[in-house]
Amino acid sequence: MNEHQSFVVPYQDLSSAQKAIVEEATGTNNSFFVEGPPGSGKTLISLHIVKSMIGHEIVNPLVLIYNNSLLGYLKASFEALGIKGVTIKTKDSFFWELKRKYQILVDENADFNTKRNQILKGLQSINLDLNYSVIILDEIQDFYEDEWLVLKKIGKKFIFLGDFEQKIYNGDLNKTTITTFSIPKVLKTVFRFGSKIAKFVEQFSKSKKILETEREDTIIPLIQECANKTEEHQEILEIINARKNDGKRIAIISIGKDRLQEINNFLNEKGIEHFHAPDPNSFKDYDFSSNKMVLITSASAKGLEFSTVIVVGFDEGSKAIWGFKKHGGLEENIYVCLSRATDHLYILRNPNTITELRDLHQETEIEDNNNDWF
């Protein structure tokens, strides 16, 4: 049996709404904007759109995303579906490759954003001898207008995927621009998690959107109060021991790299196998079809899902907390964290946890056993 066989939901198991979008996007030259909440299948249907297009015509697909973890996931997904010949890149690496190809001059002593702006301005001003039959842009809410001005020069058809509730960066490509260029499609039903996790996620919706879920959960997400980091580490250990026999993926998600490094050191001392990537670039070659436990930031977790998610490290004084409070995106980071779990969601808090998570409401009525942590 192919080890990837059950990694991607097969076409026959898609919902009727998902199948309808795949069929319409395959049978026309129109561009589409597929919008939906976390776990509604946006990325999933993009995989089947590419597979269907390759089955019906000669295509040259380009898939662009913003982070290396989603890149690693998509590589494993295309392999699972037996799809070859797809160019998958992070958007930054793609534009930097074009810089070299077309010899765009930049100030090498400038900061990243200045060089990025110089590259995109240069690419907008020249003819590009590239022609992609379809370009898929995942997490479109984190793209920029100047990136779009380059991309529409080299693509015939676009599939935009996104959820503006998960906009954690300051991308300025707005929904009006996207919908003017494409046919909007909305996925409403969440398949990733059930109604009880949804009630947690909804508390961080900017638009106060109610999530429609397919299943009614009996498993309630749980909050554990810890006195300090030592107690948090012990709780993590207990959760791992409780969930390891599930044989499914576990993720420890924090907003900052520093907290993940501390947890990595603790897990190494305990001899617990896991994957930790201080450099997010390492995720592009990670096999997301494996069940190895992952330590990952909330930004890198976008677009991914795990059976069990442990949220930890949203503490005052964190560099990441300070940065997102200053520039925006803090609540969106929490929204992303809470919406990654398919089955079990654990939230660890300590006296230094930020107010946003300290105010998180937990249902008081837990079926069977009100004190059942696992």
Protein backbone atom coordinates (compact mmCIF):
# COMPACT_ATOMS: atom_id res chain seq x y z
CA MET A 1 0.00 0.00 0.00
CA ASN A 2 1.28 3.48 -0.89
CA GLU A 3 2.26 5.23 2.36
CA HIS A 4 0.67 8.44 1.02
CA GLN A 5 -2.59 6.74 0.02
CA SER A 6 -4.72 8.18 2.82
CA PHE A 7 -2.82 11.47 3.13
CA VAL A 8 -5.05 13.43 0.72
CA VAL A 9 -8.84 13.11 0.61
CA PRO A 10 -9.68 11.45 -2.74
CA TYR A 11 -11.95 13.19 -5.22
CA GLN A 12 -14.86 10.82 -4.63
CA ASP A 13 -14.92 11.82 -0.95
CA LEU A 14 -15.17 15.57 -1.59
CA SER A 15 -18.41 17.32 -0.70
CA SER A 16 -20.83 18.23 -3.49
CA ALA A 17 -19.86 21.91 -3.11
CA GLN A 18 -16.16 21.09 -3.40
CA LYS A 19 -16.69 18.86 -6.44
CA ALA A 20 -18.75 21.57 -8.15
CA ILE A 21 -15.90 24.08 -7.83
CA VAL A 22 -13.33 21.56 -9.13
CA GLU A 23 -15.51 20.76 -12.14
CA GLU A 24 -16.28 24.38 -12.99
CA ALA A 25 -12.67 25.52 -12.56
CA THR A 26 -11.47 22.69 -14.78
CA GLY A 27 -13.97 23.24 -17.58
CA THR A 28 -13.41 26.96 -18.20
CA ASN A 29 -10.65 29.51 -18.76
CA ASN A 30 -12.12 31.77 -16.08
CA SER A 31 -10.24 32.57 -12.89
CA PHE A 32 -11.78 31.78 -9.50
CA PHE A 33 -11.48 33.07 -5.95
CA VAL A 34 -12.27 30.28 -3.46
CA GLU A 35 -12.92 31.70 -0.01
CA GLY A 36 -13.77 29.75 3.10
CA PRO A 37 -13.01 29.25 6.79
CA PRO A 38 -10.18 27.02 8.05
CA GLY A 39 -10.77 23.36 7.31
CA SER A 40 -13.30 23.95 4.53
CA GLY A 41 -11.05 22.36 1.89
CA LYS A 42 -9.64 25.31 -0.06
CA THR A 43 -6.16 23.86 -0.54
CA LEU A 44 -7.60 20.38 -1.04
CA ILE A 45 -9.74 21.37 -4.01
CA SER A 46 -6.81 23.25 -5.58
CA LEU A 47 -4.93 19.94 -5.66
CA HIS A 48 -7.82 18.25 -7.43
CA ILE A 49 -8.21 21.17 -9.85
CA VAL A 50 -4.59 20.74 -10.93
CA LYS A 51 -4.99 16.96 -11.19
CA SER A 52 -8.16 17.33 -13.25
CA MET A 53 -6.60 19.92 -15.57
CA ILE A 54 -3.57 17.74 -16.16
CA GLY A 55 -5.91 14.88 -17.01
CA HIS A 56 -7.79 16.93 -19.62
CA GLU A 57 -5.15 19.13 -21.27
CA ILE A 58 -1.50 20.00 -21.41
CA VAL A 59 -0.91 22.45 -18.60
CA ASN A 60 2.00 24.25 -16.99
CA PRO A 61 0.85 24.91 -13.41
CA LEU A 62 2.52 27.23 -10.93
CA VAL A 63 1.59 27.10 -7.25
CA LEU A 64 2.76 29.96 -5.02
CA ILE A 65 2.43 30.12 -1.25
CA TYR A 66 4.01 32.32 1.36
CA ASN A 67 5.58 29.80 3.78
CA ASN A 68 7.87 26.78 3.54
CA SER A 69 5.71 24.55 5.72
CA LEU A 70 2.80 24.77 3.28
CA LEU A 71 5.33 24.18 0.51
CA GLY A 72 6.38 20.93 2.18
CA TYR A 73 2.75 19.91 2.66
CA LEU A 74 1.87 20.59 -0.99
CA LYS A 75 4.87 18.66 -2.28
CA ALA A 76 3.77 15.63 -0.26
CA SER A 77 0.17 16.11 -1.41
CA PHE A 78 1.01 16.25 -5.10
CA GLU A 79 3.14 13.15 -4.66
CA ALA A 80 0.22 11.42 -2.94
CA LEU A 81 -2.00 12.22 -5.92
CA GLY A 82 0.65 11.10 -8.41
CA ILE A 83 0.88 14.57 -9.94
CA LYS A 84 4.13 15.57 -11.62
CA GLY A 85 5.28 18.65 -13.50
CA VAL A 86 3.94 21.22 -11.04
CA THR A 87 6.15 24.16 -10.08
CA ILE A 88 5.67 24.85 -6.35
CA LYS A 89 7.47 27.81 -4.79
CA THR A 90 7.19 30.24 -1.94
CA LYS A 91 6.40 33.60 -3.43
CA ASP A 92 9.61 35.19 -2.14
CA SER A 93 11.85 32.49 -3.60
CA PHE A 94 9.98 32.70 -6.93
CA PHE A 95 10.49 36.46 -7.26
CA TRP A 96 14.13 36.17 -6.22
CA GLU A 97 14.63 33.56 -8.96
CA LEU A 98 13.11 35.97 -11.47
CA LYS A 99 15.52 38.64 -10.22
CA ARG A 100 18.45 36.42 -11.16
CA LYS A 101 16.90 35.25 -14.44
CA TYR A 102 16.18 38.78 -15.68
CA GLN A 103 19.21 40.38 -13.96
CA ILE A 104 17.17 42.91 -11.98
CA LEU A 105 19.51 45.32 -10.22
CA VAL A 106 18.97 46.03 -6.53
CA ASP A 107 20.84 47.74 -3.74
CA GLU A 108 22.51 44.71 -2.13
CA ASN A 109 23.12 46.72 1.05
CA ALA A 110 19.43 47.53 1.46
CA ASP A 111 17.02 45.73 3.79
CA PHE A 112 14.76 42.89 2.64
CA ASN A 113 11.67 45.01 1.96
CA THR A 114 13.60 47.58 -0.05
CA LYS A 115 15.19 44.88 -2.22
CA ARG A 116 11.82 43.18 -2.62
CA ASN A 117 10.23 46.42 -3.82
CA GLN A 118 13.10 47.03 -6.26
CA ILE A 119 12.76 43.50 -7.67
CA LEU A 120 9.01 43.78 -8.21
CA LYS A 121 9.26 47.24 -9.74
CA GLY A 122 11.94 45.97 -12.12
CA LEU A 123 9.87 42.93 -13.11
CA GLN A 124 6.84 45.11 -13.78
CA SER A 125 8.83 47.23 -16.23
CA ILE A 126 10.11 44.46 -18.54
CA ASN A 127 8.71 41.75 -20.79
CA LEU A 128 8.69 38.35 -19.10
CA ASP A 129 9.02 35.32 -21.38
CA LEU A 130 7.02 33.11 -19.01
CA ASN A 131 3.57 31.69 -19.60
CA TYR A 132 1.79 29.57 -17.01
CA SER A 133 -1.54 28.02 -18.01
CA VAL A 134 -2.78 28.24 -14.43
CA ILE A 135 -1.35 29.94 -11.34
CA ILE A 136 -2.66 28.96 -7.91
CA LEU A 137 -2.12 31.52 -5.14
CA ASP A 138 -2.74 30.02 -1.71
CA GLU A 139 -3.29 32.23 1.37
CA ILE A 140 -4.02 35.11 -1.02
CA GLN A 141 -4.81 37.44 1.91
CA ASP A 142 -1.06 37.67 2.59
CA PHE A 143 -0.08 38.68 -0.97
CA TYR A 144 0.74 42.22 -2.12
CA GLU A 145 -0.60 44.33 -4.96
CA ASP A 146 2.83 44.73 -6.57
CA GLU A 147 3.29 40.94 -6.58
CA TRP A 148 -0.05 40.59 -8.35
CA LEU A 149 0.99 43.13 -11.02
CA VAL A 150 3.89 40.84 -11.92
CA LEU A 151 1.98 37.57 -11.74
CA LYS A 152 -0.88 38.62 -14.02
CA LYS A 153 1.72 39.23 -16.76
CA ILE A 154 2.72 35.56 -16.79
CA GLY A 155 -0.51 33.65 -16.08
CA LYS A 156 -3.54 32.86 -18.25
CA LYS A 157 -5.78 31.66 -15.45
CA PHE A 158 -5.72 32.04 -11.67
CA ILE A 159 -7.10 30.12 -8.71
CA PHE A 160 -7.06 32.35 -5.64
CA LEU A 161 -7.47 30.62 -2.26
CA GLY A 162 -7.89 32.52 0.98
CA ASP A 163 -9.58 33.52 4.19
CA PHE A 164 -9.20 37.15 5.26
CA GLU A 165 -9.89 36.10 8.87
CA GLN A 166 -6.39 34.57 8.76
CA LYS A 167 -4.55 37.65 7.47
CA ILE A 168 -1.62 37.79 9.88
CA TYR A 169 0.65 39.96 7.74
CA ASN A 170 0.16 43.33 6.04
CA GLY A 171 -0.46 42.18 2.48
CA ASP A 172 -2.37 44.90 0.60
CA LEU A 173 -3.93 42.81 -2.17
CA ASN A 174 -7.56 43.36 -1.27
CA LYS A 175 -10.65 41.28 -1.88
CA THR A 176 -12.12 43.82 -4.33
CA THR A 177 -9.15 43.47 -6.67
CA ILE A 178 -9.36 39.68 -6.50
CA THR A 179 -13.12 39.45 -7.09
CA THR A 180 -12.97 41.96 -9.96
CA PHE A 181 -10.58 39.62 -11.77
CA SER A 182 -12.22 36.32 -10.84
CA ILE A 183 -15.45 34.45 -10.13
CA PRO A 184 -15.99 34.21 -6.35
CA LYS A 185 -16.83 30.86 -4.80
CA VAL A 186 -17.55 30.33 -1.10
CA LEU A 187 -17.03 27.17 0.91
CA LYS A 188 -19.11 27.41 4.08
CA THR A 189 -18.78 24.06 5.82
CA VAL A 190 -15.84 23.23 8.07
CA PHE A 191 -14.77 19.59 7.87
CA ARG A 192 -11.55 19.78 9.89
CA PHE A 193 -13.07 20.09 13.36
CA GLY A 194 -16.44 19.95 15.04
CA SER A 195 -18.74 22.42 16.71
CA LYS A 196 -16.99 22.57 20.07
CA ILE A 197 -13.59 23.57 18.68
CA ALA A 198 -15.46 25.96 16.37
CA LYS A 199 -16.85 27.82 19.40
CA PHE A 200 -13.27 28.53 20.53
CA VAL A 201 -12.17 29.63 17.07
CA GLU A 202 -15.16 31.94 16.60
CA GLN A 203 -14.12 34.03 19.58
CA PHE A 204 -11.22 35.35 17.49
CA SER A 205 -13.12 36.01 14.27
CA LYS A 206 -12.73 39.66 13.25
CA SER A 207 -16.11 39.58 11.54
CA LYS A 208 -17.72 37.53 14.36
CA LYS A 209 -18.43 34.82 11.80
CA ILE A 210 -20.26 31.70 12.99
CA LEU A 211 -18.57 28.57 11.66
CA GLU A 212 -20.76 25.88 10.13
CA THR A 213 -19.32 22.47 10.96
CA GLU A 214 -20.18 19.08 9.55
CA ARG A 215 -19.89 17.14 12.78
CA GLU A 216 -21.06 17.55 16.35
CA ASP A 217 -18.08 16.87 18.61
CA THR A 218 -18.17 15.08 21.93
CA ILE A 219 -14.56 16.16 22.52
CA ILE A 220 -14.28 19.63 24.04
CA PRO A 221 -11.08 21.68 23.67
CA LEU A 222 -9.43 22.03 27.04
CA ILE A 223 -7.56 24.77 28.88
CA GLN A 224 -4.94 23.91 31.47
CA GLU A 225 -3.63 26.46 33.95
CA CYS A 226 0.09 26.13 34.72
CA ALA A 227 2.11 27.97 37.33
CA ASN A 228 5.18 28.33 35.10
CA LYS A 229 7.04 26.92 32.09
CA THR A 230 8.14 23.86 34.04
CA GLU A 231 4.52 22.91 34.62
CA GLU A 232 3.74 23.60 30.97
CA HIS A 233 6.51 21.19 29.96
CA GLN A 234 5.07 18.55 32.26
CA GLU A 235 1.60 19.03 30.80
CA ILE A 236 3.02 18.71 27.29
CA LEU A 237 4.65 15.44 28.30
CA GLU A 238 1.38 14.10 29.74
CA ILE A 239 -0.57 15.07 26.61
CA ILE A 240 2.00 13.40 24.36
CA ASN A 241 1.80 10.20 26.42
CA ALA A 242 -2.00 10.29 26.32
CA ARG A 243 -2.23 10.87 22.57
CA LYS A 244 0.76 8.95 21.15
CA ASN A 245 -1.20 5.71 20.80
CA ASP A 246 -3.66 7.47 18.50
CA GLY A 247 -1.08 7.05 15.75
CA LYS A 248 -1.91 10.52 14.42
CA ARG A 249 -0.03 13.77 14.05
CA ILE A 250 0.65 16.04 17.02
CA ALA A 251 1.70 19.68 16.73
CA ILE A 252 2.97 22.01 19.42
CA ILE A 253 2.19 25.52 18.18
CA SER A 254 3.53 28.77 19.60
CA ILE A 255 3.62 32.29 18.23
CA GLY A 256 7.37 32.63 18.82
CA LYS A 257 10.49 30.64 17.91
CA ASP A 258 12.10 31.19 21.33
CA ARG A 259 9.41 29.26 23.21
CA LEU A 260 9.59 26.42 20.69
CA GLN A 261 13.35 26.22 21.19
CA GLU A 262 12.82 25.77 24.95
CA ILE A 263 10.29 23.02 24.33
CA ASN A 264 12.64 21.41 21.82
CA ASN A 265 15.38 21.31 24.46
CA PHE A 266 12.97 19.73 26.96
CA LEU A 267 11.80 17.06 24.51
CA ASN A 268 15.40 16.25 23.59
CA GLU A 269 16.22 15.74 27.28
CA LYS A 270 13.29 13.34 27.55
CA GLY A 271 14.31 11.49 24.38
CA ILE A 272 11.00 12.22 22.63
CA GLU A 273 11.14 12.09 18.84
CA HIS A 274 9.90 15.22 17.10
CA PHE A 275 10.64 17.64 14.27
CA HIS A 276 11.81 21.15 15.11
CA ALA A 277 12.81 23.70 12.47
CA PRO A 278 14.47 26.83 13.91
CA ASP A 279 14.92 27.80 10.25
CA PRO A 280 11.47 27.59 8.59
CA ASN A 281 13.20 26.73 5.29
CA SER A 282 13.69 23.23 6.70
CA PHE A 283 9.96 22.61 6.33
CA LYS A 284 10.10 22.63 2.53
CA ASP A 285 11.67 19.15 2.57
CA TYR A 286 9.71 17.77 5.52
CA ASP A 287 7.43 14.83 4.76
CA PHE A 288 4.05 15.97 6.07
CA SER A 289 2.57 12.55 5.39
CA SER A 290 4.54 11.22 8.36
CA ASN A 291 3.16 11.12 11.91
CA LYS A 292 6.21 12.62 13.58
CA MET A 293 5.36 15.29 16.15
CA VAL A 294 6.01 18.83 14.91
CA LEU A 295 7.03 22.03 16.71
CA ILE A 296 5.81 24.95 14.60
CA THR A 297 4.99 28.64 14.83
CA SER A 298 1.45 29.86 14.25
CA ALA A 299 2.57 31.68 11.09
CA SER A 300 4.08 28.50 9.65
CA ALA A 301 1.04 26.42 10.65
CA LYS A 302 -1.29 28.25 8.27
CA GLY A 303 -2.82 25.87 5.75
CA LEU A 304 -1.91 22.78 7.81
CA GLU A 305 -3.87 20.50 10.11
CA PHE A 306 -3.00 18.05 12.89
CA SER A 307 -5.00 15.54 14.89
CA THR A 308 -3.79 16.98 18.21
CA VAL A 309 -2.72 20.59 18.73
CA ILE A 310 -1.08 21.97 21.88
CA VAL A 311 -1.11 25.80 21.98
CA VAL A 312 1.50 27.28 24.30
CA GLY A 313 3.76 30.31 24.72
CA PHE A 314 1.44 33.26 24.05
CA ASP A 315 3.08 35.22 26.83
CA GLU A 316 3.62 38.90 27.52
CA GLY A 317 7.25 39.81 26.87
CA SER A 318 7.57 37.56 23.83
CA LYS A 319 9.22 39.27 20.85
CA ALA A 320 6.60 37.81 18.55
CA ILE A 321 3.74 39.04 20.74
CA TRP A 322 5.25 42.52 20.82
CA GLY A 323 5.69 42.54 17.03
CA PHE A 324 2.16 41.41 16.20
CA LYS A 325 0.64 43.78 18.75
CA LYS A 326 2.55 46.65 17.18
CA HIS A 327 1.95 45.79 13.52
CA GLY A 328 -1.32 43.86 13.78
CA GLY A 329 -2.16 40.20 13.36
CA LEU A 330 -2.16 38.95 16.97
CA GLU A 331 -5.78 37.78 17.07
CA GLU A 332 -5.37 36.30 13.60
CA ASN A 333 -2.43 34.24 14.90
CA ILE A 334 -4.63 32.89 17.71
CA TYR A 335 -7.39 32.18 15.19
CA VAL A 336 -4.93 30.14 13.12
CA CYS A 337 -3.63 28.19 16.14
CA LEU A 338 -7.04 27.19 17.42
CA SER A 339 -8.24 26.09 13.99
CA ARG A 340 -5.46 23.58 13.18
CA ALA A 341 -6.76 20.63 15.25
CA THR A 342 -8.99 17.92 13.80
CA ASP A 343 -9.60 16.03 17.07
CA HIS A 344 -7.92 17.34 20.23
CA LEU A 345 -7.09 20.92 21.17
CA TYR A 346 -5.17 21.79 24.35
CA ILE A 347 -4.43 25.36 25.44
CA LEU A 348 -1.78 25.87 28.12
CA ARG A 349 -1.88 29.12 30.11
CA ASN A 350 0.28 30.58 32.84
CA PRO A 351 0.07 33.81 34.88
CA ASN A 352 1.96 35.63 32.09
CA THR A 353 -0.35 34.54 29.27
CA ILE A 354 -1.72 37.45 27.22
CA THR A 355 -5.16 38.82 28.07
CA GLU A 356 -6.62 37.68 24.74
CA LEU A 357 -6.13 34.04 25.74
CA ARG A 358 -6.81 34.62 29.43
CA ASP A 359 -10.28 35.87 28.44
CA LEU A 360 -10.92 32.81 26.27
CA HIS A 361 -14.27 31.34 27.28
CA GLN A 362 -14.45 27.61 27.98
CA GLU A 363 -17.70 25.69 28.14
CA THR A 364 -18.33 24.45 31.66
CA GLU A 365 -20.37 21.39 30.79
CA ILE A 366 -18.10 18.58 29.65
CA GLU A 367 -19.78 15.33 28.76
CA ASP A 368 -19.20 12.30 31.00
CA ASN A 369 -16.56 13.83 33.28
CA ASN A 370 -16.15 17.50 34.07
CA ASN A 371 -12.53 16.97 35.17
CA ASP A 372 -11.46 14.70 32.32
CA TRP A 373 -8.35 16.39 30.91
CA PHE A 374 -7.79 13.78 28.23
